[in-house]
Amino acid sequence: MNDLQQVSLALKKVTSRSLLLIDEFGKGTLENDGIGLACGILEHLLSLRETPKVIAATHFHEIFENDFLRSRPRLQLGHMEVQVCEESRDVEDQITYLYNFRPGRSNRSFGTICAAINGIHQAVVTRANELASLSARGENLIAACATLTAEETQALEEADALARRFLEIDMSDSGETDWRVILEELFESLGT
């Protein structure tokens, strides 16, 4: 049974005596869909005359950062406490789960630390941290991702020069042409 079927069944059967556990509902959807569905479900549950007890966990910080879920007396936020030591050399020592429930919401995600702990290549984690930092400062991620490194710029210029030289080749008389020799000469002329 998928998440939507389970939630649909729970919403049909829920009573004031129910305990409903919702863990990361909306994962695997587009972010906006996941946020919308999670908020819609929680708003629905809070609107019931006899509200069930609900424990919901989400990674959609935007729900709270953008006030998509209105504050009300029956809604209480909490998070699990962690201790972070980013200066630690060993990535496994950078985060310690304390398993203490604390009131209020967490304002931080530990996705890149978890990625590193689970073996994601360091270059990927570093780039993710860079992009997260740019996003937190409100910078344009499209422009940041479109910016080429010096090596990428050089490779692009070399490929462009090679393509232009290839297009200059007269192919109208190709009867006995040894294309391998022509391509080797082309690459040699560019020093590649």
Protein backbone atom coordinates (compact mmCIF):
# COMPACT_ATOMS: atom_id res chain seq x y z
CA MET A 1 0.00 0.00 0.00
CA ASN A 2 1.53 3.36 -0.95
CA ASP A 3 1.63 6.48 1.21
CA LEU A 4 -1.45 8.09 -0.35
CA GLN A 5 -3.57 4.97 0.10
CA GLN A 6 -2.48 4.65 3.73
CA VAL A 7 -3.22 8.32 4.47
CA SER A 8 -6.55 8.11 2.66
CA LEU A 9 -7.56 5.11 4.77
CA ALA A 10 -6.37 6.81 7.97
CA LEU A 11 -8.35 9.99 7.18
CA LYS A 12 -11.51 7.93 6.61
CA LYS A 13 -11.14 5.93 9.84
CA VAL A 14 -9.66 8.51 12.22
CA THR A 15 -11.49 9.37 15.46
CA SER A 16 -10.69 11.54 18.47
CA ARG A 17 -9.24 8.41 20.11
CA SER A 18 -6.83 7.71 17.22
CA LEU A 19 -3.08 8.12 17.24
CA LEU A 20 -1.94 8.89 13.71
CA LEU A 21 1.78 8.67 12.88
CA ILE A 22 2.85 10.44 9.69
CA ASP A 23 6.51 9.99 8.82
CA GLU A 24 7.99 12.01 5.95
CA PHE A 25 4.73 12.11 4.01
CA GLY A 26 5.29 13.49 0.51
CA LYS A 27 8.75 12.07 -0.04
CA GLY A 28 9.22 11.01 -3.62
CA THR A 29 6.96 13.77 -4.92
CA LEU A 30 7.83 17.11 -6.41
CA GLU A 31 8.66 19.45 -3.54
CA ASN A 32 5.63 21.69 -4.06
CA ASP A 33 3.29 18.69 -4.26
CA GLY A 34 4.76 17.18 -1.09
CA ILE A 35 4.49 20.46 0.81
CA GLY A 36 0.94 21.03 -0.40
CA LEU A 37 -0.21 17.51 0.43
CA ALA A 38 1.43 17.51 3.87
CA CYS A 39 -0.08 20.90 4.76
CA GLY A 40 -3.46 19.93 3.38
CA ILE A 41 -3.58 16.75 5.44
CA LEU A 42 -2.47 18.47 8.64
CA GLU A 43 -4.90 21.37 8.10
CA HIS A 44 -7.71 18.84 7.56
CA LEU A 45 -6.85 16.96 10.75
CA LEU A 46 -6.67 20.21 12.73
CA SER A 47 -10.06 21.30 11.37
CA LEU A 48 -11.86 18.23 12.69
CA ARG A 49 -14.23 18.85 15.56
CA GLU A 50 -12.67 15.98 17.49
CA THR A 51 -9.02 16.08 16.55
CA PRO A 52 -6.99 12.87 16.76
CA LYS A 53 -3.55 12.82 18.28
CA VAL A 54 -1.06 13.17 15.43
CA ILE A 55 2.71 12.88 15.38
CA ALA A 56 4.07 14.03 12.03
CA ALA A 57 7.69 14.18 10.91
CA THR A 58 8.73 16.15 7.84
CA HIS A 59 11.82 17.42 6.07
CA PHE A 60 9.80 20.20 4.44
CA HIS A 61 11.16 23.16 6.44
CA GLU A 62 9.39 25.48 3.96
CA ILE A 63 6.07 24.63 5.59
CA PHE A 64 7.13 26.56 8.68
CA GLU A 65 9.54 29.08 7.14
CA ASN A 66 6.74 30.36 4.89
CA ASP A 67 3.91 29.95 7.44
CA PHE A 68 2.01 27.54 5.19
CA LEU A 69 0.64 25.86 8.32
CA ARG A 70 -1.10 28.42 10.51
CA SER A 71 -0.21 28.43 14.18
CA ARG A 72 -3.02 27.39 16.50
CA PRO A 73 -3.30 26.15 20.11
CA ARG A 74 -3.74 22.49 19.14
CA LEU A 75 -0.57 22.51 17.00
CA GLN A 76 2.71 22.01 18.83
CA LEU A 77 6.06 21.72 17.11
CA GLY A 78 8.98 19.68 18.32
CA HIS A 79 12.22 18.16 17.10
CA MET A 80 14.77 15.58 18.11
CA GLU A 81 17.90 17.09 19.61
CA VAL A 82 21.27 16.60 17.96
CA GLN A 83 24.75 17.76 18.81
CA VAL A 84 26.83 19.05 15.91
CA CYS A 85 30.61 19.34 15.79
CA GLU A 86 31.44 20.43 12.23
CA GLU A 87 35.11 20.89 13.14
CA SER A 88 35.50 17.16 13.69
CA ARG A 89 37.76 15.52 11.11
CA ASP A 90 35.79 12.28 10.96
CA VAL A 91 32.38 12.85 9.36
CA GLU A 92 30.78 10.24 11.64
CA ASP A 93 31.73 12.42 14.63
CA GLN A 94 30.17 15.60 13.22
CA ILE A 95 26.66 14.73 14.33
CA THR A 96 25.49 12.92 17.45
CA TYR A 97 21.83 11.98 17.84
CA LEU A 98 20.80 12.63 21.45
CA TYR A 99 17.30 11.10 21.16
CA ASN A 100 15.80 13.90 23.26
CA PHE A 101 12.51 15.44 22.17
CA ARG A 102 12.62 19.25 22.39
CA PRO A 103 9.83 21.80 21.89
CA GLY A 104 9.97 24.07 18.85
CA ARG A 105 11.01 23.32 15.33
CA SER A 106 14.44 22.52 14.01
CA ASN A 107 15.76 25.29 11.83
CA ARG A 108 18.53 23.21 10.34
CA SER A 109 18.89 20.26 8.02
CA PHE A 110 21.71 17.75 8.28
CA GLY A 111 21.28 16.25 4.83
CA THR A 112 24.85 16.81 3.66
CA ILE A 113 26.33 15.38 6.85
CA CYS A 114 24.06 12.33 6.53
CA ALA A 115 25.08 12.03 2.87
CA ALA A 116 28.77 12.02 3.81
CA ILE A 117 28.21 9.49 6.59
CA ASN A 118 26.47 7.22 4.07
CA GLY A 119 29.33 7.29 1.58
CA ILE A 120 28.30 9.97 -0.90
CA HIS A 121 31.44 11.19 -2.72
CA GLN A 122 33.04 14.20 -1.01
CA ALA A 123 32.89 16.32 -4.19
CA VAL A 124 29.11 15.87 -4.26
CA VAL A 125 28.77 16.79 -0.57
CA THR A 126 31.00 19.85 -1.02
CA ARG A 127 28.96 21.05 -4.00
CA ALA A 128 25.72 20.45 -2.09
CA ASN A 129 27.04 22.57 0.80
CA GLU A 130 28.02 25.35 -1.63
CA LEU A 131 24.58 25.38 -3.25
CA ALA A 132 22.79 25.24 0.12
CA SER A 133 24.84 28.21 1.29
CA LEU A 134 23.99 30.18 -1.87
CA SER A 135 20.31 29.32 -1.48
CA ALA A 136 20.31 30.39 2.18
CA ARG A 137 21.69 33.78 1.08
CA GLY A 138 18.93 34.06 -1.53
CA GLU A 139 21.32 33.89 -4.48
CA ASN A 140 20.36 32.66 -7.93
CA LEU A 141 21.07 28.92 -8.08
CA ILE A 142 20.52 28.76 -11.84
CA ALA A 143 23.29 31.30 -12.41
CA ALA A 144 25.54 29.48 -9.93
CA CYS A 145 25.02 26.15 -11.68
CA ALA A 146 25.56 27.70 -15.11
CA THR A 147 28.93 29.19 -14.14
CA LEU A 148 31.79 27.20 -15.64
CA THR A 149 35.09 26.51 -13.93
CA ALA A 150 38.33 27.52 -15.67
CA GLU A 151 38.87 23.89 -16.71
CA GLU A 152 35.34 23.60 -18.09
CA THR A 153 35.76 26.87 -20.01
CA GLN A 154 39.02 25.66 -21.53
CA ALA A 155 37.51 22.30 -22.50
CA LEU A 156 34.52 24.07 -24.07
CA GLU A 157 36.80 26.39 -26.07
CA GLU A 158 38.84 23.40 -27.31
CA ALA A 159 35.71 21.50 -28.31
CA ASP A 160 34.37 24.59 -30.09
CA ALA A 161 37.64 25.03 -32.02
CA LEU A 162 37.64 21.34 -32.97
CA ALA A 163 34.04 21.51 -34.19
CA ARG A 164 34.76 24.64 -36.25
CA ARG A 165 37.81 23.03 -37.87
CA PHE A 166 35.76 19.91 -38.64
CA LEU A 167 33.05 22.01 -40.30
CA GLU A 168 35.70 23.65 -42.51
CA ILE A 169 36.62 20.28 -44.09
CA ASP A 170 35.47 20.00 -47.71
CA MET A 171 33.54 16.75 -47.88
CA SER A 172 32.27 17.18 -51.43
CA ASP A 173 35.02 14.93 -52.83
CA SER A 174 35.03 12.10 -50.31
CA GLY A 175 35.43 9.14 -52.67
CA GLU A 176 38.86 7.86 -51.60
CA THR A 177 39.22 9.94 -48.43
CA ASP A 178 40.75 8.27 -45.37
CA TRP A 179 38.72 9.98 -42.65
CA ARG A 180 40.86 8.48 -39.91
CA VAL A 181 43.91 10.36 -41.24
CA ILE A 182 41.91 13.58 -41.54
CA LEU A 183 40.63 13.29 -37.96
CA GLU A 184 44.13 12.52 -36.64
CA GLU A 185 45.47 15.62 -38.43
CA LEU A 186 42.59 17.65 -37.04
CA PHE A 187 43.32 16.60 -33.45
CA GLU A 188 47.06 17.14 -33.92
CA SER A 189 46.50 20.66 -35.25
CA LEU A 190 44.72 21.53 -32.01
CA GLY A 191 47.34 19.92 -29.80
CA THR A 192 44.88 17.46 -28.27
